[in-house]
């Protein structure tokens, strides 16, 4: 089901629902229970996610003074 907003010849989706949706509020939530995602895994995730950026920085600055 999709809720649309119609205004002056334009149309935009403002809400959508589906019994087959992949979105799981328990995974996305950070409430008291912390959701299904372990917050203790965050530092490792951030380390891996930033690895490519850090490597690119090192390669770009190779041979420059102060590196």
PDB file of N, CA and C in Angstrom:
ATOM      1  N   UNK A   1       0.850  -1.171   0.000  1.00  0.00           N
ATOM      2  CA  UNK A   1       0.000   0.000   0.000  1.00  0.00           C
ATOM      3  C   UNK A   1       0.894   1.232   0.000  1.00  0.00           C
ATOM      4  N   UNK A   2       0.567   2.181  -0.841  1.00  0.00           N
ATOM      5  CA  UNK A   2       1.334   3.421  -0.944  1.00  0.00           C
ATOM      6  C   UNK A   2       0.392   4.598  -0.740  1.00  0.00           C
ATOM      7  N   UNK A   3       0.801   5.529   0.110  1.00  0.00           N
ATOM      8  CA  UNK A   3       0.053   6.761   0.311  1.00  0.00           C
ATOM      9  C   UNK A   3       0.747   7.847  -0.500  1.00  0.00           C
ATOM     10  N   UNK A   4      -0.029   8.495  -1.373  1.00  0.00           N
ATOM     11  CA  UNK A   4       0.521   9.514  -2.264  1.00  0.00           C
ATOM     12  C   UNK A   4      -0.018  10.885  -1.886  1.00  0.00           C
ATOM     13  N   UNK A   5       0.786  11.908  -2.131  1.00  0.00           N
ATOM     14  CA  UNK A   5       0.335  13.289  -1.980  1.00  0.00           C
ATOM     15  C   UNK A   5       0.256  13.874  -3.385  1.00  0.00           C
ATOM     16  N   UNK A   6      -0.914  14.362  -3.723  1.00  0.00           N
ATOM     17  CA  UNK A   6      -1.135  14.988  -5.030  1.00  0.00           C
ATOM     18  C   UNK A   6      -1.272  16.485  -4.812  1.00  0.00           C
ATOM     19  N   UNK A   7      -0.473  17.262  -5.539  1.00  0.00           N
ATOM     20  CA  UNK A   7      -0.524  18.711  -5.366  1.00  0.00           C
ATOM     21  C   UNK A   7      -0.116  19.399  -6.658  1.00  0.00           C
ATOM     22  N   UNK A   8      -1.001  20.191  -7.193  1.00  0.00           N
ATOM     23  CA  UNK A   8      -0.757  21.007  -8.391  1.00  0.00           C
ATOM     24  C   UNK A   8      -0.075  20.222  -9.515  1.00  0.00           C
ATOM     25  N   UNK A   9      -0.616  19.084  -9.844  1.00  0.00           N
ATOM     26  CA  UNK A   9      -0.090  18.293 -10.957  1.00  0.00           C
ATOM     27  C   UNK A   9       1.105  17.433 -10.607  1.00  0.00           C
ATOM     28  N   UNK A  10       1.561  17.480  -9.371  1.00  0.00           N
ATOM     29  CA  UNK A  10       2.690  16.647  -8.942  1.00  0.00           C
ATOM     30  C   UNK A  10       2.213  15.541  -8.025  1.00  0.00           C
ATOM     31  N   UNK A  11       2.966  14.474  -7.951  1.00  0.00           N
ATOM     32  CA  UNK A  11       2.627  13.355  -7.075  1.00  0.00           C
ATOM     33  C   UNK A  11       3.890  12.890  -6.363  1.00  0.00           C
ATOM     34  N   UNK A  12       3.750  12.578  -5.084  1.00  0.00           N
ATOM     35  CA  UNK A  12       4.893  12.076  -4.324  1.00  0.00           C
ATOM     36  C   UNK A  12       4.444  11.048  -3.311  1.00  0.00           C
ATOM     37  N   UNK A  13       5.229   9.999  -3.156  1.00  0.00           N
ATOM     38  CA  UNK A  13       4.928   8.975  -2.156  1.00  0.00           C
ATOM     39  C   UNK A  13       5.303   9.512  -0.780  1.00  0.00           C
ATOM     40  N   UNK A  14       4.380   9.414   0.177  1.00  0.00           N
ATOM     41  CA  UNK A  14       4.648   9.895   1.533  1.00  0.00           C
ATOM     42  C   UNK A  14       4.692   8.759   2.545  1.00  0.00           C
ATOM     43  N   UNK A  15       4.186   7.584   2.174  1.00  0.00           N
ATOM     44  CA  UNK A  15       4.236   6.424   3.066  1.00  0.00           C
ATOM     45  C   UNK A  15       4.051   5.159   2.246  1.00  0.00           C
ATOM     46  N   UNK A  16       4.631   4.070   2.745  1.00  0.00           N
ATOM     47  CA  UNK A  16       4.445   2.782   2.073  1.00  0.00           C
ATOM     48  C   UNK A  16       4.496   1.673   3.116  1.00  0.00           C
ATOM     49  N   UNK A  17       3.695   0.648   2.880  1.00  0.00           N
ATOM     50  CA  UNK A  17       3.673  -0.519   3.764  1.00  0.00           C
ATOM     51  C   UNK A  17       3.551  -1.770   2.908  1.00  0.00           C
ATOM     52  N   UNK A  18       4.077  -2.883   3.439  1.00  0.00           N
ATOM     53  CA  UNK A  18       3.995  -4.149   2.725  1.00  0.00           C
ATOM     54  C   UNK A  18       4.187  -5.288   3.718  1.00  0.00           C
ATOM     55  N   UNK A  19       3.404  -6.352   3.590  1.00  0.00           N
ATOM     56  CA  UNK A  19       3.624  -7.511   4.460  1.00  0.00           C
ATOM     57  C   UNK A  19       4.941  -8.217   4.115  1.00  0.00           C
ATOM     58  N   UNK A  20       5.533  -7.905   2.970  1.00  0.00           N
ATOM     59  CA  UNK A  20       6.785  -8.529   2.534  1.00  0.00           C
ATOM     60  C   UNK A  20       7.986  -7.596   2.676  1.00  0.00           C
ATOM     61  N   UNK A  21       7.859  -6.536   3.466  1.00  0.00           N
ATOM     62  CA  UNK A  21       8.936  -5.557   3.606  1.00  0.00           C
ATOM     63  C   UNK A  21      10.171  -6.187   4.237  1.00  0.00           C
ATOM     64  N   UNK A  22      11.344  -5.733   3.811  1.00  0.00           N
ATOM     65  CA  UNK A  22      12.601  -6.208   4.373  1.00  0.00           C
ATOM     66  C   UNK A  22      13.007  -5.421   5.611  1.00  0.00           C
ATOM     67  N   UNK A  23      12.401  -4.254   5.823  1.00  0.00           N
ATOM     68  CA  UNK A  23      12.718  -3.403   6.972  1.00  0.00           C
ATOM     69  C   UNK A  23      12.239  -4.063   8.251  1.00  0.00           C
ATOM     70  N   UNK A  24      13.094  -4.133   9.245  1.00  0.00           N
ATOM     71  CA  UNK A  24      12.740  -4.707  10.541  1.00  0.00           C
ATOM     72  C   UNK A  24      13.049  -3.664  11.608  1.00  0.00           C
ATOM     73  N   UNK A  25      12.018  -3.142  12.244  1.00  0.00           N
ATOM     74  CA  UNK A  25      12.194  -2.083  13.230  1.00  0.00           C
ATOM     75  C   UNK A  25      13.077  -2.528  14.390  1.00  0.00           C
ATOM     76  N   UNK A  26      13.045  -3.818  14.737  1.00  0.00           N
ATOM     77  CA  UNK A  26      13.879  -4.322  15.826  1.00  0.00           C
ATOM     78  C   UNK A  26      15.365  -4.207  15.482  1.00  0.00           C
ATOM     79  N   UNK A  27      15.713  -4.336  14.207  1.00  0.00           N
ATOM     80  CA  UNK A  27      17.113  -4.194  13.795  1.00  0.00           C
ATOM     81  C   UNK A  27      17.534  -2.733  13.740  1.00  0.00           C
ATOM     82  N   UNK A  28      16.614  -1.865  13.349  1.00  0.00           N
ATOM     83  CA  UNK A  28      16.944  -0.461  13.148  1.00  0.00           C
ATOM     84  C   UNK A  28      16.880   0.345  14.436  1.00  0.00           C
ATOM     85  N   UNK A  29      16.165  -0.138  15.427  1.00  0.00           N
ATOM     86  CA  UNK A  29      15.951   0.634  16.642  1.00  0.00           C
ATOM     87  C   UNK A  29      17.142   0.623  17.581  1.00  0.00           C
ATOM     88  N   UNK A  30      17.293   1.714  18.314  1.00  0.00           N
ATOM     89  CA  UNK A  30      18.336   1.816  19.323  1.00  0.00           C
ATOM     90  C   UNK A  30      17.695   2.174  20.659  1.00  0.00           C
ATOM     91  N   UNK A  31      16.561   1.575  20.948  1.00  0.00           N
ATOM     92  CA  UNK A  31      15.846   1.860  22.182  1.00  0.00           C
ATOM     93  C   UNK A  31      16.549   1.269  23.391  1.00  0.00           C
ATOM     94  N   UNK A  32      15.803   1.127  24.486  1.00  0.00           N
ATOM     95  CA  UNK A  32      16.371   0.599  25.728  1.00  0.00           C
ATOM     96  C   UNK A  32      16.997  -0.771  25.541  1.00  0.00           C
ATOM     97  N   UNK A  33      16.343  -1.619  24.753  1.00  0.00           N
ATOM     98  CA  UNK A  33      16.857  -2.975  24.561  1.00  0.00           C
ATOM     99  C   UNK A  33      18.082  -2.985  23.652  1.00  0.00           C
ATOM    100  N   UNK A  34      18.309  -1.899  22.924  1.00  0.00           N
ATOM    101  CA  UNK A  34      19.434  -1.834  22.005  1.00  0.00           C
ATOM    102  C   UNK A  34      19.132  -2.463  20.672  1.00  0.00           C
ATOM    103  N   UNK A  35      17.920  -2.977  20.492  1.00  0.00           N
ATOM    104  CA  UNK A  35      17.571  -3.627  19.234  1.00  0.00           C
ATOM    105  C   UNK A  35      18.326  -4.932  19.083  1.00  0.00           C
ATOM    106  N   UNK A  36      18.316  -5.500  17.903  1.00  0.00           N
ATOM    107  CA  UNK A  36      19.000  -6.765  17.659  1.00  0.00           C
ATOM    108  C   UNK A  36      20.472  -6.572  17.328  1.00  0.00           C
ATOM    109  N   UNK A  37      20.870  -5.342  17.011  1.00  0.00           N
ATOM    110  CA  UNK A  37      22.269  -5.063  16.685  1.00  0.00           C
ATOM    111  C   UNK A  37      23.054  -4.839  17.962  1.00  0.00           C
ATOM    112  N   UNK A  38      24.144  -5.554  18.128  1.00  0.00           N
ATOM    113  CA  UNK A  38      24.986  -5.400  19.307  1.00  0.00           C
ATOM    114  C   UNK A  38      25.807  -4.124  19.191  1.00  0.00           C
ATOM    115  N   UNK A  39      25.596  -3.206  20.110  1.00  0.00           N
ATOM    116  CA  UNK A  39      26.343  -1.953  20.102  1.00  0.00           C
ATOM    117  C   UNK A  39      27.829  -2.187  20.346  1.00  0.00           C
ATOM    118  N   UNK A  40      28.178  -3.315  20.941  1.00  0.00           N
ATOM    119  CA  UNK A  40      29.586  -3.629  21.191  1.00  0.00           C
ATOM    120  C   UNK A  40      30.323  -3.957  19.894  1.00  0.00           C
ATOM    121  N   UNK A  41      29.594  -4.227  18.816  1.00  0.00           N
ATOM    122  CA  UNK A  41      30.213  -4.502  17.518  1.00  0.00           C
ATOM    123  C   UNK A  41      30.542  -3.213  16.766  1.00  0.00           C
ATOM    124  N   UNK A  42      30.049  -2.083  17.242  1.00  0.00           N
ATOM    125  CA  UNK A  42      30.231  -0.807  16.536  1.00  0.00           C
ATOM    126  C   UNK A  42      31.685  -0.434  16.287  1.00  0.00           C
ATOM    127  N   UNK A  43      32.575  -0.504  17.278  1.00  0.00           N
ATOM    128  CA  UNK A  43      33.963  -0.100  17.015  1.00  0.00           C
ATOM    129  C   UNK A  43      34.613  -0.904  15.882  1.00  0.00           C
ATOM    130  N   UNK A  44      34.398  -2.200  15.835  1.00  0.00           N
ATOM    131  CA  UNK A  44      34.961  -3.020  14.763  1.00  0.00           C
ATOM    132  C   UNK A  44      34.375  -2.663  13.411  1.00  0.00           C
ATOM    133  N   UNK A  45      33.081  -2.398  13.391  1.00  0.00           N
ATOM    134  CA  UNK A  45      32.423  -2.004  12.143  1.00  0.00           C
ATOM    135  C   UNK A  45      33.008  -0.694  11.626  1.00  0.00           C
ATOM    136  N   UNK A  46      33.161   0.269  12.514  1.00  0.00           N
ATOM    137  CA  UNK A  46      33.702   1.572  12.123  1.00  0.00           C
ATOM    138  C   UNK A  46      35.131   1.421  11.619  1.00  0.00           C
ATOM    139  N   UNK A  47      35.915   0.587  12.283  1.00  0.00           N
ATOM    140  CA  UNK A  47      37.300   0.345  11.866  1.00  0.00           C
ATOM    141  C   UNK A  47      37.347  -0.209  10.444  1.00  0.00           C
ATOM    142  N   UNK A  48      36.519  -1.206  10.157  1.00  0.00           N
ATOM    143  CA  UNK A  48      36.495  -1.797   8.818  1.00  0.00           C
ATOM    144  C   UNK A  48      35.929  -0.835   7.781  1.00  0.00           C
ATOM    145  N   UNK A  49      34.882  -0.111   8.146  1.00  0.00           N
ATOM    146  CA  UNK A  49      34.229   0.804   7.209  1.00  0.00           C
ATOM    147  C   UNK A  49      35.179   1.923   6.785  1.00  0.00           C
ATOM    148  N   UNK A  50      36.056   2.353   7.706  1.00  0.00           N
ATOM    149  CA  UNK A  50      36.952   3.468   7.406  1.00  0.00           C
ATOM    150  C   UNK A  50      38.289   3.017   6.811  1.00  0.00           C
ATOM    151  N   UNK A  51      38.543   1.725   6.734  1.00  0.00           N
ATOM    152  CA  UNK A  51      39.828   1.215   6.260  1.00  0.00           C
ATOM    153  C   UNK A  51      40.170   1.715   4.861  1.00  0.00           C
ATOM    154  N   UNK A  52      39.230   1.658   3.941  1.00  0.00           N
ATOM    155  CA  UNK A  52      39.485   2.091   2.567  1.00  0.00           C
ATOM    156  C   UNK A  52      39.862   3.573   2.516  1.00  0.00           C
ATOM    157  N   UNK A  53      39.189   4.390   3.288  1.00  0.00           N
ATOM    158  CA  UNK A  53      39.480   5.821   3.310  1.00  0.00           C
ATOM    159  C   UNK A  53      40.868   6.083   3.870  1.00  0.00           C
ATOM    160  N   UNK A  54      41.215   5.392   4.956  1.00  0.00           N
ATOM    161  CA  UNK A  54      42.536   5.584   5.554  1.00  0.00           C
ATOM    162  C   UNK A  54      43.647   5.125   4.618  1.00  0.00           C
ATOM    163  N   UNK A  55      43.433   4.019   3.924  1.00  0.00           N
ATOM    164  CA  UNK A  55      44.437   3.527   2.977  1.00  0.00           C
ATOM    165  C   UNK A  55      44.605   4.499   1.811  1.00  0.00           C
ATOM    166  N   UNK A  56      43.514   5.034   1.303  1.00  0.00           N
ATOM    167  CA  UNK A  56      43.581   5.993   0.196  1.00  0.00           C
ATOM    168  C   UNK A  56      44.346   7.238   0.622  1.00  0.00           C
ATOM    169  N   UNK A  57      44.127   7.686   1.842  1.00  0.00           N
ATOM    170  CA  UNK A  57      44.834   8.858   2.361  1.00  0.00           C
ATOM    171  C   UNK A  57      46.338   8.595   2.414  1.00  0.00           C
ATOM    172  N   UNK A  58      46.719   7.426   2.920  1.00  0.00           N
ATOM    173  CA  UNK A  58      48.141   7.085   3.011  1.00  0.00           C
ATOM    174  C   UNK A  58      48.786   7.014   1.629  1.00  0.00           C
ATOM    175  N   UNK A  59      48.113   6.402   0.684  1.00  0.00           N
ATOM    176  CA  UNK A  59      48.656   6.277  -0.674  1.00  0.00           C
ATOM    177  C   UNK A  59      48.783   7.650  -1.329  1.00  0.00           C
ATOM    178  N   UNK A  60      47.767   8.488  -1.158  1.00  0.00           N
ATOM    179  CA  UNK A  60      47.768   9.824  -1.751  1.00  0.00           C
ATOM    180  C   UNK A  60      48.904  10.681  -1.193  1.00  0.00           C
ATOM    181  N   UNK A  61      49.239  10.472   0.073  1.00  0.00           N
ATOM    182  CA  UNK A  61      50.240  11.309   0.731  1.00  0.00           C
ATOM    183  C   UNK A  61      51.611  10.649   0.820  1.00  0.00           C
ATOM    184  N   UNK A  62      51.803   9.550   0.133  1.00  0.00           N
ATOM    185  CA  UNK A  62      53.090   8.871   0.106  1.00  0.00           C
ATOM    186  C   UNK A  62      54.149   9.798  -0.477  1.00  0.00           C
ATOM    187  N   UNK A  63      55.260   9.910   0.210  1.00  0.00           N
ATOM    188  CA  UNK A  63      56.358  10.715  -0.308  1.00  0.00           C
ATOM    189  C   UNK A  63      56.238  12.198  -0.023  1.00  0.00           C
ATOM    190  N   UNK A  64      55.105  12.634   0.500  1.00  0.00           N
ATOM    191  CA  UNK A  64      54.962  14.051   0.847  1.00  0.00           C
ATOM    192  C   UNK A  64      55.658  14.291   2.180  1.00  0.00           C
ATOM    193  N   UNK A  65      56.116  15.489   2.371  1.00  0.00           N
ATOM    194  CA  UNK A  65      56.824  15.844   3.594  1.00  0.00           C
ATOM    195  C   UNK A  65      55.915  15.675   4.807  1.00  0.00           C
ATOM    196  N   UNK A  66      56.454  15.075   5.878  1.00  0.00           N
ATOM    197  CA  UNK A  66      55.707  14.903   7.118  1.00  0.00           C
ATOM    198  C   UNK A  66      54.852  13.664   7.161  1.00  0.00           C
ATOM    199  N   UNK A  67      54.912  12.795   6.153  1.00  0.00           N
ATOM    200  CA  UNK A  67      54.101  11.576   6.141  1.00  0.00           C
ATOM    201  C   UNK A  67      54.903  10.416   6.653  1.00  0.00           C
TER     202      UNK A  67
END
